Amino acid sequence: MSQVLDEFEDEQEGGSSTALFYLKIISLFVVVLGFGLYIGDVLFGKSSLDVLLNLQEDKDTLVVKIKSLKDENAVLQKEFFELRQLDPDK
C-alpha cells in the first residue's frame, strides 16, 4: 500500500512541476505580448501620429516665415545702403 501511495505522490509532484512550467511559459508569453503592444502603441499610436503631423505643420509655417523675413531683410538692407549713400548693387 505504501508503494502505491509513493507512486501517487511522485505523479502528483511531477504534475505540479509540469503545471508550474506551463504557467511560467504562459506568463512569459503574456508579458512579452503586453510589452510588444505597449511599444507598438508608443511608436505607431495616435499620439505619435498627432505629434508628427503637428511637427510637419510647424515646419511648413517656419519655412514661410523664414522666406518672408529674408524678403524683409533684403528690403531693409537696400534701404540701409541707400541711407548710407552706397550703391546697393555693389
C-alpha atoms as a PDB file:
ATOM      1  CA  MET A   1       0.000   0.000   0.000  1.00  0.00           C
ATOM      2  CA  SER A   2       2.815   2.426   0.791  1.00  0.00           C
ATOM      3  CA  GLN A   3       4.341   1.780  -2.640  1.00  0.00           C
ATOM      4  CA  VAL A   4       1.072   2.816  -4.305  1.00  0.00           C
ATOM      5  CA  LEU A   5       0.942   5.970  -2.196  1.00  0.00           C
ATOM      6  CA  ASP A   6       4.581   6.756  -3.004  1.00  0.00           C
ATOM      7  CA  GLU A   7       3.912   6.360  -6.733  1.00  0.00           C
ATOM      8  CA  PHE A   8       0.791   8.529  -6.415  1.00  0.00           C
ATOM      9  CA  GLU A   9       2.799  11.257  -4.639  1.00  0.00           C
ATOM     10  CA  ASP A  10       5.511  11.074  -7.337  1.00  0.00           C
ATOM     11  CA  GLU A  11       2.903  11.511 -10.059  1.00  0.00           C
ATOM     12  CA  GLN A  12       1.363  14.477  -8.253  1.00  0.00           C
ATOM     13  CA  GLU A  13       4.734  16.162  -7.763  1.00  0.00           C
ATOM     14  CA  GLY A  14       5.634  15.660 -11.427  1.00  0.00           C
ATOM     15  CA  GLY A  15       2.266  17.025 -12.496  1.00  0.00           C
ATOM     16  CA  SER A  16       2.568  20.117 -10.347  1.00  0.00           C
ATOM     17  CA  SER A  17       6.040  20.891 -11.676  1.00  0.00           C
ATOM     18  CA  THR A  18       4.764  20.463 -15.242  1.00  0.00           C
ATOM     19  CA  ALA A  19       1.797  22.716 -14.482  1.00  0.00           C
ATOM     20  CA  LEU A  20       4.159  25.251 -12.922  1.00  0.00           C
ATOM     21  CA  PHE A  21       6.369  25.130 -16.017  1.00  0.00           C
ATOM     22  CA  TYR A  22       3.385  25.762 -18.315  1.00  0.00           C
ATOM     23  CA  LEU A  23       2.194  28.559 -16.049  1.00  0.00           C
ATOM     24  CA  LYS A  24       5.622  30.210 -16.304  1.00  0.00           C
ATOM     25  CA  ILE A  25       5.627  29.866 -20.109  1.00  0.00           C
ATOM     26  CA  ILE A  26       2.126  31.334 -20.393  1.00  0.00           C
ATOM     27  CA  SER A  27       3.032  34.186 -18.021  1.00  0.00           C
ATOM     28  CA  LEU A  28       6.161  34.963 -20.029  1.00  0.00           C
ATOM     29  CA  PHE A  29       4.124  34.940 -23.241  1.00  0.00           C
ATOM     30  CA  VAL A  30       1.568  37.362 -21.761  1.00  0.00           C
ATOM     31  CA  VAL A  31       4.319  39.716 -20.532  1.00  0.00           C
ATOM     32  CA  VAL A  32       6.095  39.700 -23.911  1.00  0.00           C
ATOM     33  CA  LEU A  33       2.812  40.252 -25.749  1.00  0.00           C
ATOM     34  CA  GLY A  34       1.863  43.124 -23.448  1.00  0.00           C
ATOM     35  CA  PHE A  35       5.276  44.759 -23.839  1.00  0.00           C
ATOM     36  CA  GLY A  36       5.059  44.408 -27.620  1.00  0.00           C
ATOM     37  CA  LEU A  37       1.635  46.047 -27.686  1.00  0.00           C
ATOM     38  CA  TYR A  38       2.901  48.883 -25.497  1.00  0.00           C
ATOM     39  CA  ILE A  39       5.923  49.540 -27.736  1.00  0.00           C
ATOM     40  CA  GLY A  40       3.708  49.374 -30.823  1.00  0.00           C
ATOM     41  CA  ASP A  41       1.352  51.920 -29.325  1.00  0.00           C
ATOM     42  CA  VAL A  42       4.218  54.248 -28.396  1.00  0.00           C
ATOM     43  CA  LEU A  43       5.797  54.099 -31.852  1.00  0.00           C
ATOM     44  CA  PHE A  44       2.722  53.926 -34.056  1.00  0.00           C
ATOM     45  CA  GLY A  45      -0.144  55.071 -31.845  1.00  0.00           C
ATOM     46  CA  LYS A  46      -2.462  58.016 -32.330  1.00  0.00           C
ATOM     47  CA  SER A  47      -0.445  60.393 -30.178  1.00  0.00           C
ATOM     48  CA  SER A  48       2.721  59.707 -32.182  1.00  0.00           C
ATOM     49  CA  LEU A  49       0.863  60.435 -35.416  1.00  0.00           C
ATOM     50  CA  ASP A  50      -0.528  63.672 -33.970  1.00  0.00           C
ATOM     51  CA  VAL A  51       2.953  64.800 -32.953  1.00  0.00           C
ATOM     52  CA  LEU A  52       4.334  64.008 -36.417  1.00  0.00           C
ATOM     53  CA  LEU A  53       1.558  65.932 -38.184  1.00  0.00           C
ATOM     54  CA  ASN A  54       1.968  68.909 -35.837  1.00  0.00           C
ATOM     55  CA  LEU A  55       5.718  68.988 -36.438  1.00  0.00           C
ATOM     56  CA  GLN A  56       5.225  68.914 -40.215  1.00  0.00           C
ATOM     57  CA  GLU A  57       2.715  71.761 -39.945  1.00  0.00           C
ATOM     58  CA  ASP A  58       5.127  73.765 -37.777  1.00  0.00           C
ATOM     59  CA  LYS A  59       7.920  73.156 -40.297  1.00  0.00           C
ATOM     60  CA  ASP A  60       5.786  74.479 -43.149  1.00  0.00           C
ATOM     61  CA  THR A  61       4.863  77.550 -41.094  1.00  0.00           C
ATOM     62  CA  LEU A  62       8.515  78.222 -40.243  1.00  0.00           C
ATOM     63  CA  VAL A  63       9.596  77.875 -43.884  1.00  0.00           C
ATOM     64  CA  VAL A  64       7.034  80.514 -44.917  1.00  0.00           C
ATOM     65  CA  LYS A  65       8.117  82.806 -42.055  1.00  0.00           C
ATOM     66  CA  ILE A  66      11.807  82.415 -42.998  1.00  0.00           C
ATOM     67  CA  LYS A  67      11.061  83.394 -46.593  1.00  0.00           C
ATOM     68  CA  SER A  68       9.110  86.479 -45.527  1.00  0.00           C
ATOM     69  CA  LEU A  69      11.870  87.519 -43.114  1.00  0.00           C
ATOM     70  CA  LYS A  70      14.517  87.110 -45.818  1.00  0.00           C
ATOM     71  CA  ASP A  71      12.482  89.314 -48.162  1.00  0.00           C
ATOM     72  CA  GLU A  72      12.020  91.900 -45.409  1.00  0.00           C
ATOM     73  CA  ASN A  73      15.741  91.777 -44.631  1.00  0.00           C
ATOM     74  CA  ALA A  74      16.610  92.398 -48.291  1.00  0.00           C
ATOM     75  CA  VAL A  75      14.345  95.460 -48.389  1.00  0.00           C
ATOM     76  CA  LEU A  76      15.788  96.819 -45.147  1.00  0.00           C
ATOM     77  CA  GLN A  77      19.380  96.255 -46.313  1.00  0.00           C
ATOM     78  CA  LYS A  78      18.648  98.112 -49.534  1.00  0.00           C
ATOM     79  CA  GLU A  79      17.147 100.985 -47.561  1.00  0.00           C
ATOM     80  CA  PHE A  80      20.137 100.988 -45.194  1.00  0.00           C
ATOM     81  CA  PHE A  81      22.631 101.166 -48.060  1.00  0.00           C
ATOM     82  CA  GLU A  82      20.648 103.930 -49.715  1.00  0.00           C
ATOM     83  CA  LEU A  83      20.666 105.926 -46.487  1.00  0.00           C
ATOM     84  CA  ARG A  84      24.412 105.492 -46.207  1.00  0.00           C
ATOM     85  CA  GLN A  85      24.605 106.550 -49.862  1.00  0.00           C
ATOM     86  CA  LEU A  86      26.189 103.371 -51.042  1.00  0.00           C
ATOM     87  CA  ASP A  87      25.288 101.592 -54.220  1.00  0.00           C
ATOM     88  CA  PRO A  88      23.082  98.595 -53.219  1.00  0.00           C
ATOM     89  CA  ASP A  89      24.037  96.694 -56.384  1.00  0.00           C
ATOM     90  CA  LYS A  90      27.750  96.519 -55.499  1.00  0.00           C
END
